[in-house]
Amino acid sequence: MEMVRSRRSLWILALAFALLLSLLAQTVLASNGTFNVNVYHGINGRSLGLSKELPVDISIYKDGGLLTTIEDFTFKSRLSTPLPAGEYLIMVSSDEAGPLPSMTVGPVQIPEGANVYLHAKLGANKTPIIAVRVK
């Protein structure tokens, strides 16, 4: 009888250990050091007397260094991607519209697991802005 209890206890312990390992693996996979970013170009250039597409270049800096540049991002374009957590500075420029100081975000620290939404749109007095929402 004692042998049956020992085997049963070992099985319960093994099952609990397997469950714990499974939960730890899911936690490690869920927190892989990244956040999700969604970008939408919602500015019709005609509202500014420019081409409808209003192509822009987006320079993305992470921790003080240039991470990447997205060239010719046009009206109604969307981008969704994971990025490594860290400090970000995002600068948007346009050959058509000239310097766009209102289209800079950061520097700002973005933690892992965050969902960041960047929406380029026209603000007051038709000033191009980036609306930022973090969840």
N, C-alpha and C. Protein backbone atom coordinates (compact mmCIF):
# COMPACT_ATOMS: atom_id res chain seq x y z
N MET A 1 0.82 -1.19 0.00
CA MET A 1 0.00 0.00 0.00
C MET A 1 0.87 1.26 0.00
N GLU A 2 1.95 1.23 0.79
CA GLU A 2 2.87 2.36 0.86
C GLU A 2 3.53 2.60 -0.50
N MET A 3 3.82 1.54 -1.25
CA MET A 3 4.45 1.63 -2.57
C MET A 3 3.51 2.31 -3.56
N VAL A 4 2.20 2.03 -3.49
CA VAL A 4 1.22 2.65 -4.37
C VAL A 4 1.13 4.14 -4.10
N ARG A 5 1.15 4.53 -2.82
CA ARG A 5 1.11 5.95 -2.45
C ARG A 5 2.36 6.66 -2.96
N SER A 6 3.51 6.03 -2.86
CA SER A 6 4.76 6.64 -3.32
C SER A 6 4.73 6.85 -4.82
N ARG A 7 4.25 5.87 -5.57
CA ARG A 7 4.15 6.02 -7.03
C ARG A 7 3.16 7.11 -7.39
N ARG A 8 2.04 7.13 -6.71
CA ARG A 8 1.03 8.16 -6.97
C ARG A 8 1.60 9.55 -6.65
N SER A 9 2.31 9.67 -5.56
CA SER A 9 2.93 10.95 -5.20
C SER A 9 3.97 11.35 -6.24
N LEU A 10 4.75 10.39 -6.74
CA LEU A 10 5.74 10.69 -7.77
C LEU A 10 5.06 11.16 -9.05
N TRP A 11 3.95 10.52 -9.43
CA TRP A 11 3.23 10.93 -10.63
C TRP A 11 2.65 12.33 -10.48
N ILE A 12 2.10 12.62 -9.33
CA ILE A 12 1.55 13.95 -9.07
C ILE A 12 2.66 14.99 -9.10
N LEU A 13 3.80 14.68 -8.48
CA LEU A 13 4.94 15.59 -8.49
C LEU A 13 5.46 15.81 -9.91
N ALA A 14 5.56 14.72 -10.69
CA ALA A 14 6.02 14.82 -12.07
C ALA A 14 5.05 15.66 -12.92
N LEU A 15 3.75 15.46 -12.71
CA LEU A 15 2.75 16.22 -13.45
C LEU A 15 2.82 17.70 -13.07
N ALA A 16 2.96 17.99 -11.79
CA ALA A 16 3.07 19.38 -11.34
C ALA A 16 4.33 20.03 -11.91
N PHE A 17 5.44 19.29 -11.94
CA PHE A 17 6.69 19.80 -12.49
C PHE A 17 6.54 20.09 -13.99
N ALA A 18 5.89 19.18 -14.72
CA ALA A 18 5.67 19.39 -16.16
C ALA A 18 4.79 20.61 -16.41
N LEU A 19 3.77 20.78 -15.59
CA LEU A 19 2.89 21.94 -15.71
C LEU A 19 3.66 23.23 -15.44
N LEU A 20 4.49 23.22 -14.42
CA LEU A 20 5.31 24.39 -14.10
C LEU A 20 6.26 24.72 -15.24
N LEU A 21 6.92 23.74 -15.82
CA LEU A 21 7.82 23.97 -16.96
C LEU A 21 7.06 24.54 -18.15
N SER A 22 5.86 24.03 -18.38
CA SER A 22 5.05 24.52 -19.48
C SER A 22 4.70 26.00 -19.28
N LEU A 23 4.30 26.36 -18.07
CA LEU A 23 3.97 27.76 -17.77
C LEU A 23 5.19 28.66 -17.90
N LEU A 24 6.34 28.20 -17.44
CA LEU A 24 7.57 28.99 -17.57
C LEU A 24 7.94 29.19 -19.03
N ALA A 25 7.81 28.15 -19.84
CA ALA A 25 8.13 28.26 -21.26
C ALA A 25 7.21 29.27 -21.94
N GLN A 26 5.93 29.26 -21.60
CA GLN A 26 4.99 30.22 -22.19
C GLN A 26 5.34 31.64 -21.78
N THR A 27 5.76 31.84 -20.53
CA THR A 27 6.14 33.16 -20.06
C THR A 27 7.37 33.66 -20.79
N VAL A 28 8.36 32.80 -20.98
CA VAL A 28 9.58 33.18 -21.69
C VAL A 28 9.25 33.53 -23.14
N LEU A 29 8.39 32.75 -23.78
CA LEU A 29 8.03 33.05 -25.17
C LEU A 29 7.23 34.35 -25.26
N ALA A 30 6.37 34.62 -24.29
CA ALA A 30 5.55 35.83 -24.32
C ALA A 30 6.38 37.08 -24.07
N SER A 31 7.43 36.98 -23.28
CA SER A 31 8.25 38.16 -22.98
C SER A 31 9.61 38.02 -23.65
N ASN A 32 9.60 38.14 -24.96
CA ASN A 32 10.83 37.97 -25.73
C ASN A 32 11.58 39.27 -25.94
N GLY A 33 11.27 40.28 -25.14
CA GLY A 33 11.98 41.54 -25.23
C GLY A 33 11.52 42.46 -26.34
N THR A 34 10.33 42.23 -26.89
CA THR A 34 9.84 43.06 -28.00
C THR A 34 8.53 43.73 -27.63
N PHE A 35 8.17 44.71 -28.45
CA PHE A 35 6.85 45.33 -28.38
C PHE A 35 6.31 45.36 -29.80
N ASN A 36 5.02 45.55 -29.94
CA ASN A 36 4.40 45.61 -31.27
C ASN A 36 4.12 47.06 -31.64
N VAL A 37 4.43 47.39 -32.89
CA VAL A 37 4.16 48.74 -33.37
C VAL A 37 3.30 48.65 -34.63
N ASN A 38 2.30 49.53 -34.70
CA ASN A 38 1.41 49.64 -35.85
C ASN A 38 1.45 51.08 -36.33
N VAL A 39 1.77 51.27 -37.60
CA VAL A 39 1.92 52.61 -38.17
C VAL A 39 0.92 52.78 -39.30
N TYR A 40 0.27 53.94 -39.35
CA TYR A 40 -0.68 54.24 -40.43
C TYR A 40 -0.45 55.66 -40.93
N HIS A 41 -0.29 55.80 -42.24
CA HIS A 41 -0.13 57.12 -42.88
C HIS A 41 -1.52 57.56 -43.32
N GLY A 42 -2.11 58.48 -42.57
CA GLY A 42 -3.47 58.91 -42.85
C GLY A 42 -3.57 60.34 -43.37
N ILE A 43 -2.51 60.85 -43.99
CA ILE A 43 -2.56 62.22 -44.49
C ILE A 43 -2.64 62.23 -46.01
N ASN A 44 -3.77 62.69 -46.52
CA ASN A 44 -3.93 62.88 -47.96
C ASN A 44 -3.23 64.20 -48.30
N GLY A 45 -2.17 64.11 -49.07
CA GLY A 45 -1.37 65.28 -49.39
C GLY A 45 -2.15 66.40 -50.06
N ARG A 46 -3.25 66.07 -50.72
CA ARG A 46 -4.05 67.11 -51.39
C ARG A 46 -4.57 68.14 -50.39
N SER A 47 -4.79 67.71 -49.15
CA SER A 47 -5.23 68.64 -48.11
C SER A 47 -4.18 69.71 -47.82
N LEU A 48 -2.94 69.44 -48.22
CA LEU A 48 -1.84 70.37 -48.00
C LEU A 48 -1.36 71.00 -49.31
N GLY A 49 -2.12 70.74 -50.42
CA GLY A 49 -1.71 71.26 -51.72
C GLY A 49 -0.56 70.49 -52.33
N LEU A 50 -0.40 69.23 -51.92
CA LEU A 50 0.68 68.37 -52.42
C LEU A 50 0.07 67.16 -53.12
N SER A 51 0.91 66.20 -53.52
CA SER A 51 0.38 64.99 -54.15
C SER A 51 -0.43 64.19 -53.13
N LYS A 52 -1.44 63.49 -53.61
CA LYS A 52 -2.30 62.69 -52.74
C LYS A 52 -1.48 61.68 -51.93
N GLU A 53 -0.49 61.05 -52.55
CA GLU A 53 0.31 59.99 -51.91
C GLU A 53 1.18 60.53 -50.78
N LEU A 54 1.64 61.78 -50.88
CA LEU A 54 2.52 62.42 -49.92
C LEU A 54 3.56 61.44 -49.36
N PRO A 55 4.49 60.97 -50.18
CA PRO A 55 5.50 60.03 -49.69
C PRO A 55 6.39 60.66 -48.63
N VAL A 56 6.63 59.91 -47.56
CA VAL A 56 7.49 60.36 -46.48
C VAL A 56 8.55 59.31 -46.20
N ASP A 57 9.63 59.75 -45.59
CA ASP A 57 10.67 58.85 -45.11
C ASP A 57 10.60 58.84 -43.59
N ILE A 58 10.63 57.65 -43.01
CA ILE A 58 10.54 57.50 -41.56
C ILE A 58 11.88 56.98 -41.07
N SER A 59 12.56 57.77 -40.25
CA SER A 59 13.83 57.35 -39.65
C SER A 59 13.56 56.91 -38.22
N ILE A 60 13.99 55.68 -37.90
CA ILE A 60 13.73 55.11 -36.59
C ILE A 60 15.07 54.90 -35.89
N TYR A 61 15.23 55.59 -34.76
CA TYR A 61 16.45 55.48 -33.95
C TYR A 61 16.13 54.70 -32.69
N LYS A 62 17.00 53.75 -32.35
CA LYS A 62 16.85 52.96 -31.12
C LYS A 62 18.11 53.13 -30.29
N ASP A 63 17.92 53.50 -29.04
CA ASP A 63 19.03 53.69 -28.10
C ASP A 63 20.13 54.57 -28.68
N GLY A 64 19.74 55.62 -29.40
CA GLY A 64 20.69 56.60 -29.92
C GLY A 64 21.27 56.31 -31.29
N GLY A 65 21.06 55.13 -31.83
CA GLY A 65 21.59 54.78 -33.15
C GLY A 65 20.49 54.54 -34.16
N LEU A 66 20.78 54.81 -35.42
CA LEU A 66 19.78 54.58 -36.48
C LEU A 66 19.50 53.09 -36.60
N LEU A 67 18.24 52.72 -36.39
CA LEU A 67 17.83 51.32 -36.53
C LEU A 67 17.47 51.03 -37.99
N THR A 68 16.65 51.89 -38.59
CA THR A 68 16.25 51.71 -39.98
C THR A 68 15.58 52.97 -40.50
N THR A 69 15.49 53.05 -41.82
CA THR A 69 14.73 54.11 -42.47
C THR A 69 13.75 53.46 -43.43
N ILE A 70 12.50 53.87 -43.33
CA ILE A 70 11.47 53.40 -44.25
C ILE A 70 11.25 54.53 -45.25
N GLU A 71 11.56 54.27 -46.52
CA GLU A 71 11.46 55.30 -47.54
C GLU A 71 10.15 55.19 -48.32
N ASP A 72 9.65 56.34 -48.75
CA ASP A 72 8.46 56.43 -49.60
C ASP A 72 7.24 55.74 -49.00
N PHE A 73 6.99 55.99 -47.73
CA PHE A 73 5.79 55.50 -47.06
C PHE A 73 4.66 56.44 -47.47
N THR A 74 3.64 55.94 -48.14
CA THR A 74 2.63 56.79 -48.77
C THR A 74 1.26 56.71 -48.07
N PHE A 75 0.40 57.67 -48.45
CA PHE A 75 -0.96 57.77 -47.93
C PHE A 75 -1.66 56.41 -47.94
N LYS A 76 -2.27 56.07 -46.82
CA LYS A 76 -3.00 54.83 -46.56
C LYS A 76 -2.10 53.61 -46.38
N SER A 77 -0.78 53.80 -46.36
CA SER A 77 0.13 52.67 -46.09
C SER A 77 0.04 52.30 -44.61
N ARG A 78 0.23 51.02 -44.35
CA ARG A 78 0.21 50.49 -42.98
C ARG A 78 1.45 49.62 -42.78
N LEU A 79 1.89 49.57 -41.54
CA LEU A 79 3.02 48.73 -41.18
C LEU A 79 2.78 48.20 -39.78
N SER A 80 2.93 46.91 -39.60
CA SER A 80 2.84 46.28 -38.28
C SER A 80 4.03 45.36 -38.12
N THR A 81 4.77 45.53 -37.02
CA THR A 81 5.95 44.69 -36.81
C THR A 81 6.36 44.71 -35.34
N PRO A 82 7.00 43.64 -34.88
CA PRO A 82 7.59 43.69 -33.53
C PRO A 82 8.95 44.36 -33.60
N LEU A 83 9.30 45.10 -32.55
CA LEU A 83 10.61 45.74 -32.44
C LEU A 83 11.16 45.47 -31.05
N PRO A 84 12.48 45.47 -30.91
CA PRO A 84 13.05 45.25 -29.58
C PRO A 84 12.76 46.43 -28.66
N ALA A 85 12.45 46.14 -27.41
CA ALA A 85 12.19 47.19 -26.43
C ALA A 85 13.41 48.08 -26.29
N GLY A 86 13.19 49.35 -25.96
CA GLY A 86 14.30 50.29 -25.79
C GLY A 86 13.83 51.71 -25.94
N GLU A 87 14.79 52.62 -26.06
CA GLU A 87 14.47 54.04 -26.23
C GLU A 87 14.40 54.35 -27.72
N TYR A 88 13.31 54.98 -28.14
CA TYR A 88 13.08 55.26 -29.56
C TYR A 88 12.90 56.74 -29.83
N LEU A 89 13.38 57.13 -31.00
CA LEU A 89 13.15 58.45 -31.57
C LEU A 89 12.71 58.19 -33.01
N ILE A 90 11.56 58.74 -33.39
CA ILE A 90 11.03 58.54 -34.74
C ILE A 90 10.89 59.91 -35.39
N MET A 91 11.49 60.05 -36.57
CA MET A 91 11.46 61.32 -37.28
C MET A 91 10.93 61.08 -38.69
N VAL A 92 9.96 61.91 -39.09
CA VAL A 92 9.35 61.79 -40.42
C VAL A 92 9.75 63.02 -41.23
N SER A 93 10.18 62.76 -42.46
CA SER A 93 10.54 63.87 -43.35
C SER A 93 9.88 63.63 -44.70
N SER A 94 9.76 64.73 -45.47
CA SER A 94 9.12 64.65 -46.77
C SER A 94 9.84 65.58 -47.74
N ASP A 95 10.16 65.07 -48.93
CA ASP A 95 10.75 65.92 -49.96
C ASP A 95 9.72 66.95 -50.43
N GLU A 96 8.45 66.58 -50.44
CA GLU A 96 7.38 67.47 -50.91
C GLU A 96 7.04 68.56 -49.90
N ALA A 97 6.92 68.18 -48.64
CA ALA A 97 6.41 69.10 -47.63
C ALA A 97 7.52 69.85 -46.89
N GLY A 98 8.77 69.46 -47.10
CA GLY A 98 9.87 70.09 -46.39
C GLY A 98 9.99 69.53 -44.98
N PRO A 99 10.70 70.23 -44.09
CA PRO A 99 10.88 69.73 -42.72
C PRO A 99 9.53 69.60 -42.00
N LEU A 100 9.39 68.55 -41.23
CA LEU A 100 8.14 68.30 -40.50
C LEU A 100 8.45 68.13 -39.01
N PRO A 101 8.79 69.22 -38.31
CA PRO A 101 9.13 69.08 -36.89
C PRO A 101 7.97 68.54 -36.06
N SER A 102 6.75 68.73 -36.52
CA SER A 102 5.59 68.22 -35.78
C SER A 102 5.45 66.71 -35.93
N MET A 103 6.28 66.12 -36.76
CA MET A 103 6.19 64.68 -37.04
C MET A 103 7.36 63.92 -36.40
N THR A 104 7.73 64.31 -35.19
CA THR A 104 8.78 63.64 -34.44
C THR A 104 8.18 63.09 -33.16
N VAL A 105 8.55 61.85 -32.82
CA VAL A 105 8.09 61.22 -31.58
C VAL A 105 9.33 60.79 -30.80
N GLY A 106 9.40 61.19 -29.55
CA GLY A 106 10.48 60.74 -28.69
C GLY A 106 11.54 61.79 -28.49
N PRO A 107 12.60 61.39 -27.86
CA PRO A 107 12.90 60.01 -27.45
C PRO A 107 11.99 59.56 -26.30
N VAL A 108 11.61 58.29 -26.37
CA VAL A 108 10.72 57.71 -25.38
C VAL A 108 11.11 56.24 -25.17
N GLN A 109 11.06 55.80 -23.94
CA GLN A 109 11.37 54.41 -23.59
C GLN A 109 10.11 53.58 -23.83
N ILE A 110 10.24 52.51 -24.62
CA ILE A 110 9.10 51.64 -24.90
C ILE A 110 9.41 50.25 -24.32
N PRO A 111 8.60 49.80 -23.37
CA PRO A 111 8.86 48.51 -22.71
C PRO A 111 8.40 47.32 -23.53
N GLU A 112 8.94 46.17 -23.22
CA GLU A 112 8.49 44.96 -23.90
C GLU A 112 7.04 44.69 -23.58
N GLY A 113 6.36 44.09 -24.53
CA GLY A 113 4.96 43.74 -24.35
C GLY A 113 3.98 44.84 -24.69
N ALA A 114 4.46 46.06 -24.91
CA ALA A 114 3.55 47.17 -25.23
C ALA A 114 3.02 47.04 -26.65
N ASN A 115 1.88 47.63 -26.89
CA ASN A 115 1.32 47.77 -28.23
C ASN A 115 1.25 49.25 -28.53
N VAL A 116 2.02 49.69 -29.53
CA VAL A 116 2.14 51.10 -29.86
C VAL A 116 1.48 51.35 -31.21
N TYR A 117 0.61 52.37 -31.25
CA TYR A 117 -0.09 52.74 -32.48
C TYR A 117 0.32 54.17 -32.85
N LEU A 118 0.86 54.33 -34.05
CA LEU A 118 1.26 55.64 -34.56
C LEU A 118 0.39 55.95 -35.77
N HIS A 119 -0.32 57.08 -35.73
CA HIS A 119 -1.24 57.44 -36.80
C HIS A 119 -0.90 58.86 -37.26
N ALA A 120 -0.37 58.97 -38.47
CA ALA A 120 -0.09 60.29 -39.05
C ALA A 120 -1.40 60.86 -39.55
N LYS A 121 -1.69 62.10 -39.10
CA LYS A 121 -2.94 62.74 -39.51
C LYS A 121 -2.75 64.25 -39.45
N LEU A 122 -3.77 64.97 -39.86
CA LEU A 122 -3.72 66.43 -39.79
C LEU A 122 -4.36 66.88 -38.48
N GLY A 123 -3.65 67.75 -37.77
CA GLY A 123 -4.16 68.32 -36.54
C GLY A 123 -4.76 69.68 -36.81
N ALA A 124 -4.76 70.51 -35.78
CA ALA A 124 -5.29 71.87 -35.89
C ALA A 124 -4.55 72.65 -36.98
N ASN A 125 -5.28 73.46 -37.70
CA ASN A 125 -4.72 74.28 -38.78
C ASN A 125 -4.00 73.46 -39.85
N LYS A 126 -4.45 72.22 -40.05
CA LYS A 126 -3.86 71.33 -41.05
C LYS A 126 -2.38 71.07 -40.81
N THR A 127 -1.99 71.01 -39.55
CA THR A 127 -0.61 70.69 -39.21
C THR A 127 -0.46 69.18 -39.14
N PRO A 128 0.48 68.59 -39.91
CA PRO A 128 0.71 67.15 -39.82
C PRO A 128 1.22 66.78 -38.44
N ILE A 129 0.59 65.77 -37.82
CA ILE A 129 1.01 65.30 -36.50
C ILE A 129 1.01 63.77 -36.49
N ILE A 130 1.64 63.21 -35.49
CA ILE A 130 1.57 61.77 -35.25
C ILE A 130 0.82 61.58 -33.94
N ALA A 131 -0.34 60.95 -34.02
CA ALA A 131 -1.11 60.62 -32.83
C ALA A 131 -0.56 59.29 -32.32
N VAL A 132 -0.21 59.25 -31.04
CA VAL A 132 0.38 58.06 -30.44
C VAL A 132 -0.57 57.50 -29.40
N ARG A 133 -0.77 56.20 -29.48
CA ARG A 133 -1.59 55.50 -28.48
C ARG A 133 -0.83 54.27 -28.05
N VAL A 134 -0.75 54.05 -26.76
CA VAL A 134 -0.04 52.89 -26.22
C VAL A 134 -1.00 52.08 -25.37
N LYS A 135 -1.01 50.79 -25.60
CA LYS A 135 -1.86 49.89 -24.81
C LYS A 135 -0.99 48.91 -24.08
